[in-house]
Structures are given as structure tokens and as C-alpha cells.
Amino acid sequence: MTPINWPASRQAFIILGLFALFWFSWASHSRTLFNGLATPLFFALAAYLVVLASQYRIAVTPRSLLLFSLFATWAVFADSRSGEFLPALAMDTHWFILPLATLLMAQVFREYPLAFHAIRIGAALCIINLLLTMLVNAEWYDNWHYPPIFGHIQHLALSIGFLSVLLFAKNEMAGWVAVFLRLSRILGLALVFWSGSRSSLLALVCSMAVFIYCDWRWAKTLLIDGLVAITLSFFPAPPFPKPEGVLPRILGGVQLKSIDEVTVDTLTSSRLTIWQSTLSGLNDIGRLWTGVGGNGYARLQVMHGVIFKPAGHVQAHNGIVQSICDWGLVGLMLLGSFFYQSTLRPIIADRKNNDPTALAGIVYLLVTGMLDATLYHLEHLIYLAIAMAWLISQKPLRDEKDCHSGTLGDRAGTQSGADPHPDNRLSHRSLLVFSDRIEHSGTLSVICRR
């Protein structure tokens, strides 16, 4: 298919479309506790991808296509046995569209690096908007359950933590814009510390470790921003009331009144009990290997009568357990194989050469996904696509610079199809390793219109 040639407004349209999608993703919890805006968000994502598909072509290698096809086929099979085929399939389409979204967004970032700056400015505006709304509507605050904008303080922390990670990127921005972004990320970190979200705090620690691993010079900036954020989270005190005599959320939530009540299970907000009862319930009905279809955790309770303790949850608070509910152990292994081949293997191969902001964002989402709903809500899956897209969009540019700065023999070797750097062959096998000027054999590849 020949890409459509647009006028000069093409760049602004694509960047503004990505900005609007990002903002809609962040606002998808504004009206409901349980991601009720996922359907319009999905259609908005699909519409944007249709536009991008008219501009870019993507090509995949047989291995990646086979792994993804096996996973998708198995997921549809699990959905067909769920008893609610269409609702289950609708939930799984969030995962089906994720690789396509990643590849197409990566091309946007490659062709228009300004698009990622727009995302970062959007992240800062989201944080500022949230703070102002919470301050203006403080009287609507109900303990920790219904803060303004977000339906749950945990959702607030999960999203704001990721947005704060995005703001640690180093780029050409200077002056007041750089000051604005740094102040915004400090305020975002302060919000996460104030929330007491253990999963978000752990994910932030892991993300900071990624920054330092990739470039130790980040340590000073991270230390200063972290200390300032911690200070802000205590002074001045937030204008929201807290139940008198209740321990902080970081020690187990609002139900505990004494340190003697703290246990491993309370520290995890009953996560261990949830995971154990979920896997036991699947095993009892004979679906541990095959799953019960998309949104399987809720279906286990409604259609199969499995009783979870504690009750009242709609997702398993763990991406792996949720995947087993949906597609069983077989589906989990297929998805894991595809993720390893297309994403994890290139990341391991590149090591410190990965873009630190993108890698830290991915780590943040994966860590929170193992402890909460990050890999359940479409909002965070779009965040994951953006982070992976930025990561893989940087590789071809870096490889191109290496090629242009290499010796004549290196360039000749590249043109003849030989790899002038044998140690980097694995690093070329990334999601995005095919440009219009440099060609590498890779796992997935994308061709950009120029």
C-alpha cells in the first residue's frame, strides 16, 4: 500500500492526535472506578492507528508473526470456551492491538522526535491539572477511596508515577520549559509519596535503579528530586482528612489501628491471599491450563461461583495471575515467548545502550503490573506502548550514527549485508530495526515514509 501524501499540516495532526490519545488515556478513570471508559478509549486508539497505518508500512519476520499468531489463536480459543465470547474477546483485543500500536507509534517518534516532547509536556500538564483539581475540590475527598479525578488513590499513584518517570528524560529543552518539567516531576513524585502506594513506590525505586544503571550521572538528580518530593509530601500537609488513629497505607491500609495487626498479608493488602485463592479456584474447576477467557478473574466469580477472599475485586492485582485467569498457563507461556523474543531479548542485548527513560518506564509498568492493575487497564497498556515505542525508535538512529561514524570498511561491510559489529547482532533484533537508509535483519521491522 502506498502511503498517502499529506500537506504540511500532517506533522501537527499526527502529534496532536498522539497528545489527545495520551490525555484521554490519563482521563479514562475520571468518571468511574472500574475503567468504564475503556471502550471509547479503545475506539479512539483504533482510529488513530488507522491514520498511522495510512502513513507507515510494517513488516514482521516469520518467527515473531508465528509467536503472536499462536498467542492470539489460543486467546480466541479460550474466549470461545468462556460462555461470554464477545465480552471476553473485547477485553483481549486490548492485547491484540498493543504490538501494532507500538510499531506505529515508534515510527511517529522516529519521524517526529517532537512528538515525545509533546507527550512529556502532556504528562506535566496532567500532574498540574490533578493537583489543582484536588486542591479546589478537597471537600469531595472521601478517605482514600474517592479522590477527585481518579476513582481510587491507587489508580492515581500508578498513573502519576509513570508520568513522573517520563519527565526524567534528557533532551534539548532548556530554559523555562526545562524548569517546568522538573518542577512537575517533583510534584508528581510528591503525590506518589503522599499516596502511600507501595507498588508505585517500589516501581519508582526500580525505575531509578534503571536510570543509574544506564548512566550513573543520574544519581545526583534522582537524589535531589526524591528528597524534595518526600519533603513536599509532608509539608505543607495535604488538605485531605485522614482517619484518626489509623496506620499509614504503606503499613497495610486504613483498616489497621495497631502495629500488632501488621502481617505479611496486610502489608500486601491481601495480595498473597488473592493470588493463592485465584490459582486454587482455577485448578478446582479444571481451567488452570486453559483459562476462562478475557477478564477471567471477574468471570471466575460470576459464572463459576469461585469465592475469593477478600471479596470485591475485579482483577487479580498481578499481570501473571490475571493472564492465567484469561488464557491459562498455555496462554501465559505463549505471551511470554512473544514478549521475550520481541522486547526482552533486544533489551538484554543492548544493556546500557537502551534509552533510560523508555526502559525505566517499561520497568515501572511491569513492576506495578505484578502488584496491581497496570496490565489490566487499557490506560496503562497505552502507556506501555508509548514507552516501548520510544525505546525502539531510538535504536535505528543510534545504529545509523554508528554507521556514519565508522570506518570505510565498516560501511562497506554494512552495505554488503555483513554486520561490522558481530557483538551487536542481537541488539539489532529489536521491534524496530528497519529504516529506509539502514537495513538490519530483525524480529519486527517497520518502514517509514519520508
Protein backbone atom coordinates (compact mmCIF):
# COMPACT_ATOMS: atom_id res chain seq x y z
CA MET A 1 0.00 0.00 0.00
CA THR A 2 1.41 3.40 -0.99
CA PRO A 3 1.40 5.90 1.89
CA ILE A 4 -0.90 8.88 1.49
CA ASN A 5 0.88 12.20 0.91
CA TRP A 6 -0.47 14.90 3.19
CA PRO A 7 0.14 18.66 3.26
CA ALA A 8 2.42 20.38 5.78
CA SER A 9 -0.23 20.04 8.48
CA ARG A 10 0.45 16.29 8.59
CA GLN A 11 3.08 16.59 11.31
CA ALA A 12 0.88 18.72 13.57
CA PHE A 13 -2.10 16.43 13.04
CA ILE A 14 -0.17 13.28 13.95
CA ILE A 15 1.49 14.84 17.01
CA LEU A 16 -1.73 16.41 18.28
CA GLY A 17 -3.52 13.11 17.73
CA LEU A 18 -0.95 11.31 19.87
CA PHE A 19 -1.20 14.02 22.53
CA ALA A 20 -5.01 13.73 22.58
CA LEU A 21 -4.82 9.94 22.86
CA PHE A 22 -2.35 10.24 25.74
CA TRP A 23 -4.57 12.73 27.57
CA PHE A 24 -7.68 10.59 27.03
CA SER A 25 -5.80 7.59 28.42
CA TRP A 26 -4.92 9.51 31.56
CA ALA A 27 -8.50 10.76 31.98
CA SER A 28 -10.07 7.32 31.46
CA HIS A 29 -10.55 6.88 35.22
CA SER A 30 -12.14 10.25 35.74
CA ARG A 31 -15.76 9.09 35.80
CA THR A 32 -15.60 5.55 37.08
CA LEU A 33 -13.73 3.26 39.43
CA PHE A 34 -13.53 0.29 37.08
CA ASN A 35 -12.21 1.70 33.80
CA GLY A 36 -15.65 2.22 32.31
CA LEU A 37 -14.18 4.45 29.60
CA ALA A 38 -12.10 1.61 28.14
CA THR A 39 -14.46 1.14 25.18
CA PRO A 40 -14.35 4.73 23.86
CA LEU A 41 -10.61 4.80 24.61
CA PHE A 42 -10.13 1.65 22.53
CA PHE A 43 -12.04 3.14 19.59
CA ALA A 44 -10.00 6.34 19.86
CA LEU A 45 -6.81 4.27 19.78
CA ALA A 46 -8.06 2.24 16.81
CA ALA A 47 -8.99 5.39 14.88
CA TYR A 48 -5.57 6.90 15.48
CA LEU A 49 -3.85 3.70 14.37
CA VAL A 50 -5.88 3.69 11.15
CA VAL A 51 -4.48 7.14 10.40
CA LEU A 52 -0.94 5.99 11.15
CA ALA A 53 -1.40 2.84 9.07
CA SER A 54 -2.07 5.06 6.05
CA GLN A 55 1.37 6.58 6.51
CA TYR A 56 3.63 3.70 7.53
CA ARG A 57 4.20 0.12 6.49
CA ILE A 58 5.23 -2.58 8.95
CA ALA A 59 6.86 -5.91 8.22
CA VAL A 60 7.34 -8.79 10.63
CA THR A 61 9.60 -11.79 10.49
CA PRO A 62 8.06 -15.27 10.42
CA ARG A 63 9.21 -16.05 13.97
CA SER A 64 7.53 -13.06 15.55
CA LEU A 65 4.43 -13.49 13.43
CA LEU A 66 4.22 -17.15 14.39
CA LEU A 67 4.55 -16.47 18.12
CA PHE A 68 1.97 -13.71 18.09
CA SER A 69 -0.40 -15.75 15.91
CA LEU A 70 -0.17 -18.69 18.29
CA PHE A 71 -0.93 -16.45 21.25
CA ALA A 72 -3.85 -14.72 19.51
CA THR A 73 -5.28 -18.04 18.34
CA TRP A 74 -5.08 -19.51 21.81
CA ALA A 75 -6.67 -16.41 23.34
CA VAL A 76 -9.60 -16.62 20.92
CA PHE A 77 -9.92 -20.33 21.73
CA ALA A 78 -10.05 -19.54 25.45
CA ASP A 79 -12.64 -16.84 24.77
CA SER A 80 -14.78 -19.29 22.80
CA ARG A 81 -14.97 -21.54 25.86
CA SER A 82 -15.73 -18.70 28.26
CA GLY A 83 -19.51 -18.68 27.83
CA GLU A 84 -19.29 -14.95 27.02
CA PHE A 85 -17.37 -14.92 23.78
CA LEU A 86 -17.84 -11.30 22.70
CA PRO A 87 -17.17 -9.66 26.10
CA ALA A 88 -14.12 -11.88 26.58
CA LEU A 89 -12.84 -11.15 23.08
CA ALA A 90 -13.40 -7.42 23.57
CA MET A 91 -11.11 -7.48 26.61
CA ASP A 92 -8.43 -9.43 24.75
CA THR A 93 -8.40 -7.01 21.82
CA HIS A 94 -6.52 -4.63 24.13
CA TRP A 95 -3.60 -7.05 23.94
CA PHE A 96 -4.07 -7.85 20.25
CA ILE A 97 -3.70 -4.21 19.26
CA LEU A 98 -0.72 -3.48 21.52
CA PRO A 99 2.10 -4.64 19.14
CA LEU A 100 0.59 -2.71 16.23
CA ALA A 101 0.26 0.42 18.37
CA THR A 102 3.87 0.08 19.49
CA LEU A 103 5.26 -0.26 15.98
CA LEU A 104 3.26 2.61 14.51
CA MET A 105 3.94 4.97 17.43
CA ALA A 106 7.63 4.14 17.14
CA GLN A 107 7.56 5.43 13.59
CA VAL A 108 5.91 8.64 14.76
CA PHE A 109 8.73 9.14 17.28
CA ARG A 110 11.36 8.37 14.66
CA GLU A 111 9.99 10.76 12.09
CA TYR A 112 8.90 13.42 14.59
CA PRO A 113 11.02 13.39 17.80
CA LEU A 114 8.97 16.41 18.85
CA ALA A 115 6.08 14.01 19.46
CA PHE A 116 7.79 12.60 22.55
CA HIS A 117 8.36 16.12 23.86
CA ALA A 118 4.62 16.69 23.42
CA ILE A 119 3.97 13.55 25.47
CA ARG A 120 6.25 14.83 28.22
CA ILE A 121 4.56 18.22 28.28
CA GLY A 122 1.24 16.39 28.43
CA ALA A 123 2.49 14.36 31.39
CA ALA A 124 3.45 17.55 33.23
CA LEU A 125 0.07 19.14 32.49
CA CYS A 126 -1.71 16.02 33.77
CA ILE A 127 0.14 16.30 37.09
CA ILE A 128 -0.58 20.02 37.42
CA ASN A 129 -4.24 19.52 36.47
CA LEU A 130 -4.62 16.78 39.06
CA LEU A 131 -3.06 18.88 41.82
CA LEU A 132 -5.23 21.90 41.08
CA THR A 133 -8.39 19.80 40.91
CA MET A 134 -7.61 18.08 44.19
CA LEU A 135 -6.95 21.39 45.92
CA VAL A 136 -10.10 23.02 44.58
CA ASN A 137 -12.32 20.01 45.30
CA ALA A 138 -10.76 18.91 48.59
CA GLU A 139 -14.18 18.70 50.25
CA TRP A 140 -15.09 15.81 47.94
CA TYR A 141 -12.24 13.71 49.28
CA ASP A 142 -13.53 10.55 50.98
CA ASN A 143 -10.66 8.99 52.93
CA TRP A 144 -8.50 7.17 50.35
CA HIS A 145 -11.23 5.78 48.15
CA TYR A 146 -12.63 8.58 46.00
CA PRO A 147 -10.14 11.42 45.42
CA PRO A 148 -11.10 13.89 42.67
CA ILE A 149 -10.38 12.92 39.05
CA PHE A 150 -9.31 9.37 39.87
CA GLY A 151 -11.71 6.78 41.23
CA HIS A 152 -9.11 5.32 43.59
CA ILE A 153 -5.95 6.67 45.16
CA GLN A 154 -4.07 3.61 43.89
CA HIS A 155 -5.02 4.47 40.31
CA LEU A 156 -3.80 7.99 40.99
CA ALA A 157 -0.42 6.75 42.19
CA LEU A 158 0.02 4.22 39.37
CA SER A 159 -0.58 6.82 36.67
CA ILE A 160 1.23 9.76 38.25
CA GLY A 161 4.26 7.59 38.99
CA PHE A 162 4.63 6.67 35.32
CA LEU A 163 4.12 10.27 34.21
CA SER A 164 6.85 11.35 36.62
CA VAL A 165 9.26 8.80 35.14
CA LEU A 166 8.66 10.23 31.65
CA LEU A 167 9.70 13.65 32.91
CA PHE A 168 13.21 12.44 33.77
CA ALA A 169 14.19 12.36 30.10
CA LYS A 170 17.17 14.39 28.98
CA ASN A 171 16.56 16.33 25.80
CA GLU A 172 17.22 19.61 24.04
CA MET A 173 14.63 21.52 26.06
CA ALA A 174 16.11 24.32 28.15
CA GLY A 175 15.11 27.45 29.97
CA TRP A 176 11.66 27.77 31.49
CA VAL A 177 10.40 24.62 29.79
CA ALA A 178 13.08 22.53 31.48
CA VAL A 179 12.29 24.16 34.83
CA PHE A 180 8.58 23.49 34.35
CA LEU A 181 9.19 19.82 33.56
CA ARG A 182 11.48 19.34 36.55
CA LEU A 183 9.07 21.02 38.97
CA SER A 184 6.24 18.91 37.56
CA ARG A 185 8.09 15.66 38.08
CA ILE A 186 8.98 16.66 41.65
CA LEU A 187 5.31 17.38 42.32
CA GLY A 188 4.40 14.06 40.73
CA LEU A 189 6.84 12.18 42.94
CA ALA A 190 5.46 14.03 45.97
CA LEU A 191 1.95 12.86 45.05
CA VAL A 192 3.13 9.26 44.87
CA PHE A 193 4.89 9.51 48.24
CA TRP A 194 1.79 11.13 49.75
CA SER A 195 -0.47 8.39 48.39
CA GLY A 196 1.42 5.67 50.27
CA SER A 197 1.13 3.32 47.29
CA ARG A 198 3.60 0.52 47.95
CA SER A 199 3.57 -0.84 44.41
CA SER A 200 4.18 2.61 42.91
CA LEU A 201 6.98 3.37 45.36
CA LEU A 202 8.67 0.04 44.67
CA ALA A 203 8.33 0.61 40.93
CA LEU A 204 9.85 4.08 41.27
CA VAL A 205 12.83 2.65 43.14
CA CYS A 206 13.33 0.09 40.34
CA SER A 207 12.99 2.82 37.71
CA MET A 208 15.59 4.97 39.46
CA ALA A 209 17.90 1.97 39.53
CA VAL A 210 17.49 1.72 35.75
CA PHE A 211 18.48 5.37 35.29
CA ILE A 212 21.59 4.91 37.43
CA TYR A 213 22.47 1.64 35.65
CA CYS A 214 22.28 3.30 32.24
CA ASP A 215 24.10 6.45 33.36
CA TRP A 216 25.42 6.88 36.91
CA ARG A 217 25.28 10.67 36.49
CA TRP A 218 21.54 10.42 37.09
CA ALA A 219 22.18 9.60 40.76
CA LYS A 220 22.57 13.22 41.88
CA THR A 221 19.43 14.41 40.08
CA LEU A 222 17.38 11.49 41.37
CA LEU A 223 18.57 12.03 44.93
CA ILE A 224 17.79 15.75 44.92
CA ASP A 225 14.38 15.38 43.29
CA GLY A 226 13.47 12.46 45.54
CA LEU A 227 14.38 14.27 48.75
CA VAL A 228 12.49 17.41 47.71
CA ALA A 229 9.45 15.31 46.77
CA ILE A 230 9.47 13.48 50.10
CA THR A 231 9.65 16.82 51.91
CA LEU A 232 6.75 18.22 49.89
CA SER A 233 4.64 15.15 50.65
CA PHE A 234 4.71 16.11 54.36
CA PHE A 235 4.89 19.91 54.25
CA PRO A 236 2.53 21.55 53.87
CA ALA A 237 0.09 18.87 54.92
CA PRO A 238 -2.42 17.91 52.18
CA PRO A 239 -5.86 19.43 52.78
CA PHE A 240 -7.45 16.00 52.92
CA PRO A 241 -8.60 14.42 56.18
CA LYS A 242 -7.21 11.12 57.39
CA PRO A 243 -8.97 8.74 59.81
CA GLU A 244 -7.68 9.37 63.28
CA GLY A 245 -5.68 6.56 64.84
CA VAL A 246 -5.23 4.59 61.60
CA LEU A 247 -1.79 3.44 60.44
CA PRO A 248 -0.40 4.82 57.16
CA ARG A 249 -1.41 2.99 53.99
CA ILE A 250 2.15 1.86 53.45
CA LEU A 251 1.78 -0.37 56.53
CA GLY A 252 -1.39 -2.05 55.39
CA GLY A 253 -4.18 0.38 54.64
CA VAL A 254 -6.83 2.24 56.54
CA GLN A 255 -8.26 -0.71 58.45
CA LEU A 256 -5.34 -1.21 60.84
CA LYS A 257 -5.19 0.68 64.11
CA SER A 258 -2.21 -1.01 65.78
CA ILE A 259 1.25 -2.12 64.70
CA ASP A 260 0.43 -5.52 66.19
CA GLU A 261 -2.10 -6.06 63.40
CA VAL A 262 0.54 -5.75 60.67
CA THR A 263 1.28 -9.04 58.88
CA VAL A 264 2.79 -10.04 55.55
CA ASP A 265 -0.71 -10.25 54.09
CA THR A 266 -1.74 -6.83 55.38
CA LEU A 267 1.47 -5.31 54.06
CA THR A 268 0.45 -6.56 50.62
CA SER A 269 -3.24 -5.65 51.08
CA SER A 270 -4.16 -9.34 50.91
CA ARG A 271 -2.38 -9.80 47.58
CA LEU A 272 -0.96 -13.18 48.60
CA THR A 273 -4.41 -14.42 49.59
CA ILE A 274 -5.91 -13.17 46.33
CA TRP A 275 -3.29 -14.90 44.20
CA GLN A 276 -3.49 -18.17 46.10
CA SER A 277 -7.28 -18.32 46.04
CA THR A 278 -7.35 -17.43 42.33
CA LEU A 279 -5.00 -20.21 41.29
CA SER A 280 -6.77 -22.66 43.58
CA GLY A 281 -10.13 -21.70 42.08
CA LEU A 282 -8.84 -22.22 38.55
CA ASN A 283 -7.41 -25.59 39.48
CA ASP A 284 -10.64 -26.68 41.16
CA ILE A 285 -12.70 -26.10 38.00
CA GLY A 286 -10.04 -27.62 35.74
CA ARG A 287 -9.13 -24.40 33.92
CA LEU A 288 -5.61 -23.77 35.23
CA TRP A 289 -4.04 -24.63 31.86
CA THR A 290 -6.68 -23.17 29.54
CA GLY A 291 -8.14 -20.19 31.42
CA VAL A 292 -11.69 -18.90 31.27
CA GLY A 293 -11.33 -16.14 28.64
CA GLY A 294 -10.73 -12.40 28.72
CA ASN A 295 -11.48 -10.70 32.03
CA GLY A 296 -11.28 -14.14 33.59
CA TYR A 297 -10.90 -13.05 37.20
CA ALA A 298 -14.35 -11.47 37.25
CA ARG A 299 -15.80 -14.40 35.30
CA LEU A 300 -14.49 -16.89 37.84
CA GLN A 301 -16.67 -15.23 40.45
CA VAL A 302 -19.77 -14.55 38.36
CA MET A 303 -20.04 -17.65 36.16
CA HIS A 304 -18.09 -20.31 38.04
CA GLY A 305 -19.02 -19.40 41.60
CA VAL A 306 -15.43 -19.23 42.82
CA ILE A 307 -15.29 -17.34 46.11
CA PHE A 308 -12.27 -15.11 46.57
CA LYS A 309 -11.01 -13.71 49.83
CA PRO A 310 -11.13 -10.80 50.23
CA ALA A 311 -14.15 -10.21 48.01
CA GLY A 312 -14.95 -7.14 45.97
CA HIS A 313 -12.10 -7.12 43.45
CA VAL A 314 -12.49 -7.24 39.66
CA GLN A 315 -8.89 -8.09 38.77
CA ALA A 316 -6.15 -10.21 40.29
CA HIS A 317 -3.67 -7.40 41.11
CA ASN A 318 -1.00 -9.34 39.25
CA GLY A 319 -0.41 -9.49 35.50
CA ILE A 320 0.74 -13.10 35.57
CA VAL A 321 -2.18 -14.35 37.66
CA GLN A 322 -4.60 -12.31 35.54
CA SER A 323 -3.12 -13.85 32.38
CA ILE A 324 -3.55 -17.34 33.81
CA CYS A 325 -7.19 -16.49 34.55
CA ASP A 326 -7.70 -15.31 30.99
CA TRP A 327 -5.66 -17.76 28.91
CA GLY A 328 -4.31 -20.36 31.32
CA LEU A 329 -0.72 -21.46 31.70
CA VAL A 330 -0.55 -22.25 27.98
CA GLY A 331 -1.53 -18.72 27.01
CA LEU A 332 0.87 -17.24 29.54
CA MET A 333 3.77 -19.20 28.04
CA LEU A 334 2.84 -18.12 24.51
CA LEU A 335 2.58 -14.45 25.50
CA GLY A 336 5.83 -14.69 27.45
CA SER A 337 7.62 -16.20 24.45
CA PHE A 338 6.44 -13.40 22.19
CA PHE A 339 7.39 -10.72 24.72
CA TYR A 340 10.85 -12.23 25.22
CA GLN A 341 11.55 -12.54 21.50
CA SER A 342 10.28 -9.10 20.51
CA THR A 343 11.16 -6.95 23.51
CA LEU A 344 13.10 -8.51 26.37
CA ARG A 345 15.82 -10.14 24.28
CA PRO A 346 16.82 -6.89 22.50
CA ILE A 347 16.75 -5.02 25.81
CA ILE A 348 19.12 -7.54 27.38
CA ALA A 349 21.39 -7.38 24.35
CA ASP A 350 21.61 -3.58 24.39
CA ARG A 351 22.15 -3.34 28.15
CA LYS A 352 23.27 0.21 29.00
CA ASN A 353 22.67 1.41 25.45
CA ASN A 354 18.90 1.37 25.95
CA ASP A 355 17.21 4.74 26.29
CA PRO A 356 16.99 5.14 30.10
CA THR A 357 13.65 6.97 30.18
CA ALA A 358 11.89 4.43 27.99
CA LEU A 359 13.43 1.46 29.80
CA ALA A 360 12.59 2.94 33.21
CA GLY A 361 9.00 3.48 32.07
CA ILE A 362 8.71 -0.12 30.93
CA VAL A 363 10.19 -1.38 34.20
CA TYR A 364 7.79 0.82 36.18
CA LEU A 365 4.76 -0.60 34.35
CA LEU A 366 5.95 -4.20 34.66
CA VAL A 367 6.68 -3.88 38.38
CA THR A 368 3.31 -2.27 39.13
CA GLY A 369 1.72 -4.84 36.84
CA MET A 370 2.95 -7.59 39.13
CA LEU A 371 1.37 -5.92 42.17
CA ASP A 372 -1.67 -4.10 40.85
CA ALA A 373 -3.85 -3.39 37.81
CA THR A 374 -1.32 -1.79 35.46
CA LEU A 375 -1.50 -4.62 32.91
CA TYR A 376 -5.29 -4.82 33.27
CA HIS A 377 -6.42 -1.30 32.37
CA LEU A 378 -6.18 -0.09 28.78
CA GLU A 379 -4.83 3.25 30.02
CA HIS A 380 -1.62 1.64 31.20
CA LEU A 381 -1.33 -0.62 28.16
CA ILE A 382 -1.26 2.54 26.04
CA TYR A 383 1.45 3.87 28.35
CA LEU A 384 3.36 0.63 27.78
CA ALA A 385 3.03 1.03 24.02
CA ILE A 386 4.35 4.60 24.24
CA ALA A 387 7.33 3.57 26.37
CA MET A 388 8.24 0.64 24.12
CA ALA A 389 7.75 2.78 21.02
CA TRP A 390 10.17 5.41 22.32
CA LEU A 391 12.68 2.72 23.27
CA ILE A 392 12.73 1.09 19.86
CA SER A 393 12.54 4.39 17.98
CA GLN A 394 15.96 5.35 19.37
CA LYS A 395 17.79 2.24 18.18
CA PRO A 396 17.83 2.86 14.42
CA LEU A 397 19.04 6.42 14.95
CA ARG A 398 21.84 5.17 17.19
CA ASP A 399 22.77 2.43 14.73
CA GLU A 400 22.75 4.99 11.92
CA LYS A 401 25.13 7.28 13.83
CA ASP A 402 27.42 4.33 14.47
CA CYS A 403 27.38 3.51 10.76
CA HIS A 404 28.16 7.06 9.63
CA SER A 405 30.96 7.41 12.20
CA GLY A 406 32.51 4.04 11.37
CA THR A 407 35.42 3.28 9.03
CA LEU A 408 35.07 2.84 5.30
CA GLY A 409 35.47 -0.87 5.78
CA ASP A 410 32.64 -0.89 8.32
CA ARG A 411 30.34 0.95 5.93
CA ALA A 412 31.25 -1.38 3.09
CA GLY A 413 30.55 -4.36 5.29
CA THR A 414 27.14 -2.96 6.21
CA GLN A 415 26.24 -2.32 2.59
CA SER A 416 27.24 -5.85 1.61
CA GLY A 417 24.96 -7.29 4.28
CA ALA A 418 27.67 -8.23 6.76
CA ASP A 419 27.48 -6.96 10.31
CA PRO A 420 30.57 -4.82 11.07
CA HIS A 421 29.92 -5.32 14.76
CA PRO A 422 29.23 -9.02 15.37
CA ASP A 423 28.66 -8.44 19.08
CA ASN A 424 25.72 -6.20 18.24
CA ARG A 425 23.80 -8.68 16.10
CA LEU A 426 21.39 -9.48 18.90
CA SER A 427 20.83 -5.80 19.59
CA HIS A 428 19.68 -5.36 16.01
CA ARG A 429 16.86 -7.83 16.61
CA SER A 430 14.58 -5.29 18.14
CA LEU A 431 10.98 -4.47 17.46
CA LEU A 432 12.06 -1.65 15.19
CA VAL A 433 15.22 -2.36 13.22
CA PHE A 434 14.39 -1.44 9.65
CA SER A 435 14.81 2.10 8.34
CA ASP A 436 14.78 3.50 4.85
CA ARG A 437 18.52 4.16 4.98
CA ILE A 438 19.92 1.28 7.05
CA GLU A 439 18.70 -2.29 6.93
CA HIS A 440 19.23 -4.92 9.61
CA SER A 441 17.70 -8.36 9.88
CA GLY A 442 15.38 -8.18 12.83
CA THR A 443 12.46 -9.60 14.72
CA LEU A 444 9.92 -6.99 13.69
CA SER A 445 10.59 -4.21 11.26
CA VAL A 446 8.96 -1.01 10.15
CA ILE A 447 9.44 1.04 7.00
CA CYS A 448 8.94 4.78 7.40
CA ARG A 449 7.67 7.10 4.71
CA ARG A 450 9.98 10.03 4.08
